[in-house]
Amino acid sequence: MSDMPSISPSFLRLKHIIGDGNTPPIIPISKSSWWDGVKKGKYPQPIKIGDNITVWRSDDIQQLVDRMCSGKNAS
């Protein structure tokens, strides 16, 4: 058992959300479709944590999946 506290929510990289061949997707769409949805406000806005590091909050992605599964508009 680890003494490290659990931190929630966590950050997800794009490869964790849409998959990358090694990682199964949470939302199976293309990279260009994802970024178009972000631009249009359909998907959550990213957080830049470094020059080449963009992440999304896991709770934002969970809310998006929940809306998609309930049949409600994803935006």
PDB file of N, CA and C in Angstrom:
ATOM      1  N   MET A   1       0.849  -1.184   0.000  1.00  0.00           N
ATOM      2  CA  MET A   1       0.000   0.000   0.000  1.00  0.00           C
ATOM      3  C   MET A   1       0.888   1.238   0.000  1.00  0.00           C
ATOM      4  N   SER A   2       0.535   2.212  -0.813  1.00  0.00           N
ATOM      5  CA  SER A   2       1.321   3.428  -0.941  1.00  0.00           C
ATOM      6  C   SER A   2       0.870   4.462   0.076  1.00  0.00           C
ATOM      7  N   ASP A   3       1.848   5.264   0.530  1.00  0.00           N
ATOM      8  CA  ASP A   3       1.528   6.355   1.445  1.00  0.00           C
ATOM      9  C   ASP A   3       1.170   7.626   0.696  1.00  0.00           C
ATOM     10  N   MET A   4       1.244   7.570  -0.645  1.00  0.00           N
ATOM     11  CA  MET A   4       0.922   8.737  -1.459  1.00  0.00           C
ATOM     12  C   MET A   4      -0.589   8.960  -1.475  1.00  0.00           C
ATOM     13  N   PRO A   5      -1.022  10.203  -1.267  1.00  0.00           N
ATOM     14  CA  PRO A   5      -2.467  10.470  -1.319  1.00  0.00           C
ATOM     15  C   PRO A   5      -2.966  10.392  -2.754  1.00  0.00           C
ATOM     16  N   SER A   6      -4.205   9.985  -2.911  1.00  0.00           N
ATOM     17  CA  SER A   6      -4.838   9.955  -4.219  1.00  0.00           C
ATOM     18  C   SER A   6      -5.289  11.368  -4.572  1.00  0.00           C
ATOM     19  N   ILE A   7      -4.994  11.788  -5.798  1.00  0.00           N
ATOM     20  CA  ILE A   7      -5.365  13.124  -6.241  1.00  0.00           C
ATOM     21  C   ILE A   7      -6.438  12.991  -7.308  1.00  0.00           C
ATOM     22  N   SER A   8      -7.539  13.667  -7.097  1.00  0.00           N
ATOM     23  CA  SER A   8      -8.632  13.636  -8.053  1.00  0.00           C
ATOM     24  C   SER A   8      -9.208  15.031  -8.176  1.00  0.00           C
ATOM     25  N   PRO A   9      -9.437  15.559  -9.332  1.00  0.00           N
ATOM     26  CA  PRO A   9      -9.259  14.923 -10.628  1.00  0.00           C
ATOM     27  C   PRO A   9      -7.789  14.887 -11.035  1.00  0.00           C
ATOM     28  N   SER A  10      -7.540  14.136 -12.092  1.00  0.00           N
ATOM     29  CA  SER A  10      -6.192  14.055 -12.646  1.00  0.00           C
ATOM     30  C   SER A  10      -6.187  14.734 -14.010  1.00  0.00           C
ATOM     31  N   PHE A  11      -5.021  14.773 -14.635  1.00  0.00           N
ATOM     32  CA  PHE A  11      -4.899  15.342 -15.969  1.00  0.00           C
ATOM     33  C   PHE A  11      -4.804  14.217 -16.995  1.00  0.00           C
ATOM     34  N   LEU A  12      -5.412  14.435 -18.151  1.00  0.00           N
ATOM     35  CA  LEU A  12      -5.341  13.498 -19.264  1.00  0.00           C
ATOM     36  C   LEU A  12      -4.705  14.187 -20.460  1.00  0.00           C
ATOM     37  N   ARG A  13      -3.767  13.518 -21.102  1.00  0.00           N
ATOM     38  CA  ARG A  13      -3.214  14.000 -22.368  1.00  0.00           C
ATOM     39  C   ARG A  13      -4.159  13.579 -23.481  1.00  0.00           C
ATOM     40  N   LEU A  14      -3.985  14.177 -24.655  1.00  0.00           N
ATOM     41  CA  LEU A  14      -4.865  13.872 -25.779  1.00  0.00           C
ATOM     42  C   LEU A  14      -4.840  12.390 -26.128  1.00  0.00           C
ATOM     43  N   LYS A  15      -3.663  11.753 -26.044  1.00  0.00           N
ATOM     44  CA  LYS A  15      -3.574  10.327 -26.370  1.00  0.00           C
ATOM     45  C   LYS A  15      -4.428   9.472 -25.437  1.00  0.00           C
ATOM     46  N   HIS A  16      -4.666   9.931 -24.212  1.00  0.00           N
ATOM     47  CA  HIS A  16      -5.518   9.197 -23.284  1.00  0.00           C
ATOM     48  C   HIS A  16      -6.991   9.361 -23.640  1.00  0.00           C
ATOM     49  N   ILE A  17      -7.337  10.480 -24.266  1.00  0.00           N
ATOM     50  CA  ILE A  17      -8.733  10.767 -24.597  1.00  0.00           C
ATOM     51  C   ILE A  17      -9.132  10.102 -25.912  1.00  0.00           C
ATOM     52  N   ILE A  18      -8.321  10.296 -26.965  1.00  0.00           N
ATOM     53  CA  ILE A  18      -8.690   9.772 -28.290  1.00  0.00           C
ATOM     54  C   ILE A  18      -7.895   8.534 -28.691  1.00  0.00           C
ATOM     55  N   GLY A  19      -6.994   8.080 -27.840  1.00  0.00           N
ATOM     56  CA  GLY A  19      -6.187   6.907 -28.130  1.00  0.00           C
ATOM     57  C   GLY A  19      -5.020   7.236 -29.048  1.00  0.00           C
ATOM     58  N   ASP A  20      -4.059   6.300 -29.112  1.00  0.00           N
ATOM     59  CA  ASP A  20      -2.888   6.529 -29.973  1.00  0.00           C
ATOM     60  C   ASP A  20      -2.350   5.238 -30.581  1.00  0.00           C
ATOM     61  N   GLY A  21      -3.152   4.221 -30.648  1.00  0.00           N
ATOM     62  CA  GLY A  21      -2.684   2.933 -31.164  1.00  0.00           C
ATOM     63  C   GLY A  21      -2.263   1.995 -30.045  1.00  0.00           C
ATOM     64  N   ASN A  22      -1.630   2.530 -29.012  1.00  0.00           N
ATOM     65  CA  ASN A  22      -1.246   1.734 -27.845  1.00  0.00           C
ATOM     66  C   ASN A  22      -2.228   1.915 -26.697  1.00  0.00           C
ATOM     67  N   THR A  23      -2.862   3.085 -26.649  1.00  0.00           N
ATOM     68  CA  THR A  23      -3.802   3.424 -25.586  1.00  0.00           C
ATOM     69  C   THR A  23      -5.213   3.391 -26.160  1.00  0.00           C
ATOM     70  N   PRO A  24      -6.121   2.596 -25.582  1.00  0.00           N
ATOM     71  CA  PRO A  24      -7.489   2.591 -26.107  1.00  0.00           C
ATOM     72  C   PRO A  24      -8.169   3.940 -25.844  1.00  0.00           C
ATOM     73  N   PRO A  25      -8.983   4.404 -26.776  1.00  0.00           N
ATOM     74  CA  PRO A  25      -9.608   5.720 -26.625  1.00  0.00           C
ATOM     75  C   PRO A  25     -10.761   5.719 -25.622  1.00  0.00           C
ATOM     76  N   ILE A  26     -10.930   6.860 -24.986  1.00  0.00           N
ATOM     77  CA  ILE A  26     -12.134   7.107 -24.195  1.00  0.00           C
ATOM     78  C   ILE A  26     -13.227   7.580 -25.156  1.00  0.00           C
ATOM     79  N   ILE A  27     -12.840   8.469 -26.068  1.00  0.00           N
ATOM     80  CA  ILE A  27     -13.738   8.994 -27.096  1.00  0.00           C
ATOM     81  C   ILE A  27     -13.079   8.699 -28.444  1.00  0.00           C
ATOM     82  N   PRO A  28     -13.608   7.757 -29.206  1.00  0.00           N
ATOM     83  CA  PRO A  28     -12.946   7.311 -30.441  1.00  0.00           C
ATOM     84  C   PRO A  28     -13.207   8.232 -31.639  1.00  0.00           C
ATOM     85  N   ILE A  29     -12.507   9.362 -31.668  1.00  0.00           N
ATOM     86  CA  ILE A  29     -12.589  10.278 -32.800  1.00  0.00           C
ATOM     87  C   ILE A  29     -11.173  10.649 -33.224  1.00  0.00           C
ATOM     88  N   SER A  30     -11.060  11.280 -34.381  1.00  0.00           N
ATOM     89  CA  SER A  30      -9.745  11.676 -34.884  1.00  0.00           C
ATOM     90  C   SER A  30      -9.229  12.911 -34.146  1.00  0.00           C
ATOM     91  N   LYS A  31      -7.937  13.117 -34.246  1.00  0.00           N
ATOM     92  CA  LYS A  31      -7.291  14.274 -33.634  1.00  0.00           C
ATOM     93  C   LYS A  31      -7.868  15.579 -34.187  1.00  0.00           C
ATOM     94  N   SER A  32      -8.052  15.647 -35.509  1.00  0.00           N
ATOM     95  CA  SER A  32      -8.585  16.877 -36.108  1.00  0.00           C
ATOM     96  C   SER A  32     -10.026  17.125 -35.673  1.00  0.00           C
ATOM     97  N   SER A  33     -10.831  16.066 -35.542  1.00  0.00           N
ATOM     98  CA  SER A  33     -12.210  16.226 -35.064  1.00  0.00           C
ATOM     99  C   SER A  33     -12.228  16.703 -33.616  1.00  0.00           C
ATOM    100  N   TRP A  34     -11.304  16.179 -32.807  1.00  0.00           N
ATOM    101  CA  TRP A  34     -11.231  16.616 -31.406  1.00  0.00           C
ATOM    102  C   TRP A  34     -10.926  18.111 -31.329  1.00  0.00           C
ATOM    103  N   TRP A  35      -9.881  18.544 -32.044  1.00  0.00           N
ATOM    104  CA  TRP A  35      -9.491  19.948 -31.969  1.00  0.00           C
ATOM    105  C   TRP A  35     -10.560  20.869 -32.559  1.00  0.00           C
ATOM    106  N   ASP A  36     -11.275  20.404 -33.580  1.00  0.00           N
ATOM    107  CA  ASP A  36     -12.379  21.186 -34.128  1.00  0.00           C
ATOM    108  C   ASP A  36     -13.483  21.336 -33.080  1.00  0.00           C
ATOM    109  N   GLY A  37     -13.778  20.250 -32.360  1.00  0.00           N
ATOM    110  CA  GLY A  37     -14.776  20.303 -31.292  1.00  0.00           C
ATOM    111  C   GLY A  37     -14.367  21.210 -30.149  1.00  0.00           C
ATOM    112  N   VAL A  38     -13.077  21.225 -29.824  1.00  0.00           N
ATOM    113  CA  VAL A  38     -12.572  22.134 -28.779  1.00  0.00           C
ATOM    114  C   VAL A  38     -12.762  23.577 -29.242  1.00  0.00           C
ATOM    115  N   LYS A  39     -12.392  23.843 -30.492  1.00  0.00           N
ATOM    116  CA  LYS A  39     -12.505  25.194 -31.054  1.00  0.00           C
ATOM    117  C   LYS A  39     -13.951  25.679 -31.052  1.00  0.00           C
ATOM    118  N   LYS A  40     -14.878  24.783 -31.354  1.00  0.00           N
ATOM    119  CA  LYS A  40     -16.299  25.142 -31.431  1.00  0.00           C
ATOM    120  C   LYS A  40     -17.000  25.114 -30.080  1.00  0.00           C
ATOM    121  N   GLY A  41     -16.304  24.709 -29.018  1.00  0.00           N
ATOM    122  CA  GLY A  41     -16.903  24.665 -27.686  1.00  0.00           C
ATOM    123  C   GLY A  41     -17.677  23.390 -27.401  1.00  0.00           C
ATOM    124  N   LYS A  42     -17.583  22.405 -28.287  1.00  0.00           N
ATOM    125  CA  LYS A  42     -18.273  21.138 -28.083  1.00  0.00           C
ATOM    126  C   LYS A  42     -17.561  20.288 -27.044  1.00  0.00           C
ATOM    127  N   TYR A  43     -16.236  20.398 -26.980  1.00  0.00           N
ATOM    128  CA  TYR A  43     -15.413  19.646 -26.045  1.00  0.00           C
ATOM    129  C   TYR A  43     -14.708  20.600 -25.094  1.00  0.00           C
ATOM    130  N   PRO A  44     -14.268  20.110 -23.925  1.00  0.00           N
ATOM    131  CA  PRO A  44     -13.657  20.992 -22.917  1.00  0.00           C
ATOM    132  C   PRO A  44     -12.390  21.690 -23.413  1.00  0.00           C
ATOM    133  N   GLN A  45     -12.157  22.861 -22.867  1.00  0.00           N
ATOM    134  CA  GLN A  45     -10.951  23.616 -23.181  1.00  0.00           C
ATOM    135  C   GLN A  45      -9.743  22.968 -22.499  1.00  0.00           C
ATOM    136  N   PRO A  46      -8.609  22.969 -23.182  1.00  0.00           N
ATOM    137  CA  PRO A  46      -7.405  22.371 -22.610  1.00  0.00           C
ATOM    138  C   PRO A  46      -6.714  23.307 -21.622  1.00  0.00           C
ATOM    139  N   ILE A  47      -5.765  22.741 -20.903  1.00  0.00           N
ATOM    140  CA  ILE A  47      -4.903  23.492 -19.981  1.00  0.00           C
ATOM    141  C   ILE A  47      -3.476  23.281 -20.455  1.00  0.00           C
ATOM    142  N   LYS A  48      -2.758  24.369 -20.704  1.00  0.00           N
ATOM    143  CA  LYS A  48      -1.340  24.279 -21.083  1.00  0.00           C
ATOM    144  C   LYS A  48      -0.516  24.269 -19.802  1.00  0.00           C
ATOM    145  N   ILE A  49       0.241  23.189 -19.578  1.00  0.00           N
ATOM    146  CA  ILE A  49       1.089  23.134 -18.380  1.00  0.00           C
ATOM    147  C   ILE A  49       2.567  23.186 -18.729  1.00  0.00           C
ATOM    148  N   GLY A  50       2.862  23.333 -20.009  1.00  0.00           N
ATOM    149  CA  GLY A  50       4.245  23.442 -20.468  1.00  0.00           C
ATOM    150  C   GLY A  50       4.251  23.828 -21.928  1.00  0.00           C
ATOM    151  N   ASP A  51       5.452  24.090 -22.461  1.00  0.00           N
ATOM    152  CA  ASP A  51       5.563  24.498 -23.858  1.00  0.00           C
ATOM    153  C   ASP A  51       4.923  23.492 -24.814  1.00  0.00           C
ATOM    154  N   ASN A  52       5.124  22.228 -24.578  1.00  0.00           N
ATOM    155  CA  ASN A  52       4.585  21.181 -25.439  1.00  0.00           C
ATOM    156  C   ASN A  52       3.687  20.217 -24.691  1.00  0.00           C
ATOM    157  N   ILE A  53       3.067  20.695 -23.628  1.00  0.00           N
ATOM    158  CA  ILE A  53       2.226  19.807 -22.818  1.00  0.00           C
ATOM    159  C   ILE A  53       0.847  20.430 -22.646  1.00  0.00           C
ATOM    160  N   THR A  54      -0.134  19.764 -23.239  1.00  0.00           N
ATOM    161  CA  THR A  54      -1.527  20.191 -23.145  1.00  0.00           C
ATOM    162  C   THR A  54      -2.299  19.064 -22.488  1.00  0.00           C
ATOM    163  N   VAL A  55      -3.145  19.403 -21.523  1.00  0.00           N
ATOM    164  CA  VAL A  55      -3.903  18.399 -20.782  1.00  0.00           C
ATOM    165  C   VAL A  55      -5.353  18.852 -20.607  1.00  0.00           C
ATOM    166  N   TRP A  56      -6.182  17.893 -20.216  1.00  0.00           N
ATOM    167  CA  TRP A  56      -7.571  18.169 -19.868  1.00  0.00           C
ATOM    168  C   TRP A  56      -7.827  17.574 -18.498  1.00  0.00           C
ATOM    169  N   ARG A  57      -8.705  18.199 -17.744  1.00  0.00           N
ATOM    170  CA  ARG A  57      -9.091  17.660 -16.439  1.00  0.00           C
ATOM    171  C   ARG A  57      -9.927  16.405 -16.645  1.00  0.00           C
ATOM    172  N   SER A  58      -9.615  15.363 -15.897  1.00  0.00           N
ATOM    173  CA  SER A  58     -10.338  14.095 -16.046  1.00  0.00           C
ATOM    174  C   SER A  58     -11.824  14.252 -15.717  1.00  0.00           C
ATOM    175  N   ASP A  59     -12.154  15.127 -14.778  1.00  0.00           N
ATOM    176  CA  ASP A  59     -13.577  15.306 -14.449  1.00  0.00           C
ATOM    177  C   ASP A  59     -14.326  15.996 -15.587  1.00  0.00           C
ATOM    178  N   ASP A  60     -13.663  16.889 -16.341  1.00  0.00           N
ATOM    179  CA  ASP A  60     -14.299  17.502 -17.509  1.00  0.00           C
ATOM    180  C   ASP A  60     -14.580  16.456 -18.584  1.00  0.00           C
ATOM    181  N   ILE A  61     -13.629  15.543 -18.784  1.00  0.00           N
ATOM    182  CA  ILE A  61     -13.814  14.482 -19.779  1.00  0.00           C
ATOM    183  C   ILE A  61     -14.903  13.526 -19.320  1.00  0.00           C
ATOM    184  N   GLN A  62     -14.947  13.206 -18.032  1.00  0.00           N
ATOM    185  CA  GLN A  62     -16.007  12.322 -17.517  1.00  0.00           C
ATOM    186  C   GLN A  62     -17.379  12.951 -17.718  1.00  0.00           C
ATOM    187  N   GLN A  63     -17.496  14.256 -17.464  1.00  0.00           N
ATOM    188  CA  GLN A  63     -18.773  14.946 -17.681  1.00  0.00           C
ATOM    189  C   GLN A  63     -19.176  14.908 -19.150  1.00  0.00           C
ATOM    190  N   LEU A  64     -18.201  15.076 -20.045  1.00  0.00           N
ATOM    191  CA  LEU A  64     -18.471  14.999 -21.476  1.00  0.00           C
ATOM    192  C   LEU A  64     -18.987  13.610 -21.850  1.00  0.00           C
ATOM    193  N   VAL A  65     -18.330  12.565 -21.377  1.00  0.00           N
ATOM    194  CA  VAL A  65     -18.753  11.194 -21.667  1.00  0.00           C
ATOM    195  C   VAL A  65     -20.148  10.946 -21.098  1.00  0.00           C
ATOM    196  N   ASP A  66     -20.403  11.417 -19.897  1.00  0.00           N
ATOM    197  CA  ASP A  66     -21.726  11.238 -19.277  1.00  0.00           C
ATOM    198  C   ASP A  66     -22.818  11.899 -20.123  1.00  0.00           C
ATOM    199  N   ARG A  67     -22.541  13.112 -20.617  1.00  0.00           N
ATOM    200  CA  ARG A  67     -23.518  13.801 -21.485  1.00  0.00           C
ATOM    201  C   ARG A  67     -23.718  13.036 -22.790  1.00  0.00           C
ATOM    202  N   MET A  68     -22.637  12.545 -23.375  1.00  0.00           N
ATOM    203  CA  MET A  68     -22.741  11.781 -24.622  1.00  0.00           C
ATOM    204  C   MET A  68     -23.572  10.515 -24.414  1.00  0.00           C
ATOM    205  N   CYS A  69     -23.340   9.828 -23.303  1.00  0.00           N
ATOM    206  CA  CYS A  69     -24.066   8.583 -23.013  1.00  0.00           C
ATOM    207  C   CYS A  69     -25.534   8.811 -22.694  1.00  0.00           C
ATOM    208  N   SER A  70     -25.850   9.984 -22.158  1.00  0.00           N
ATOM    209  CA  SER A  70     -27.240  10.276 -21.811  1.00  0.00           C
ATOM    210  C   SER A  70     -28.026  10.777 -23.009  1.00  0.00           C
ATOM    211  N   GLY A  71     -27.334  10.982 -24.138  1.00  0.00           N
ATOM    212  CA  GLY A  71     -28.013  11.446 -25.340  1.00  0.00           C
ATOM    213  C   GLY A  71     -28.173  12.944 -25.406  1.00  0.00           C
ATOM    214  N   LYS A  72     -27.622  13.641 -24.423  1.00  0.00           N
ATOM    215  CA  LYS A  72     -27.703  15.104 -24.427  1.00  0.00           C
ATOM    216  C   LYS A  72     -26.590  15.654 -25.300  1.00  0.00           C
ATOM    217  N   ASN A  73     -26.771  16.890 -25.754  1.00  0.00           N
ATOM    218  CA  ASN A  73     -25.763  17.559 -26.561  1.00  0.00           C
ATOM    219  C   ASN A  73     -24.461  17.599 -25.795  1.00  0.00           C
ATOM    220  N   ALA A  74     -23.348  17.324 -26.451  1.00  0.00           N
ATOM    221  CA  ALA A  74     -22.035  17.273 -25.798  1.00  0.00           C
ATOM    222  C   ALA A  74     -21.523  18.639 -25.400  1.00  0.00           C
ATOM    223  N   SER A  75     -22.095  19.698 -25.897  1.00  0.00           N
ATOM    224  CA  SER A  75     -21.593  21.039 -25.549  1.00  0.00           C
ATOM    225  C   SER A  75     -22.210  21.562 -24.287  1.00  0.00           C
TER     226      SER A  75
END
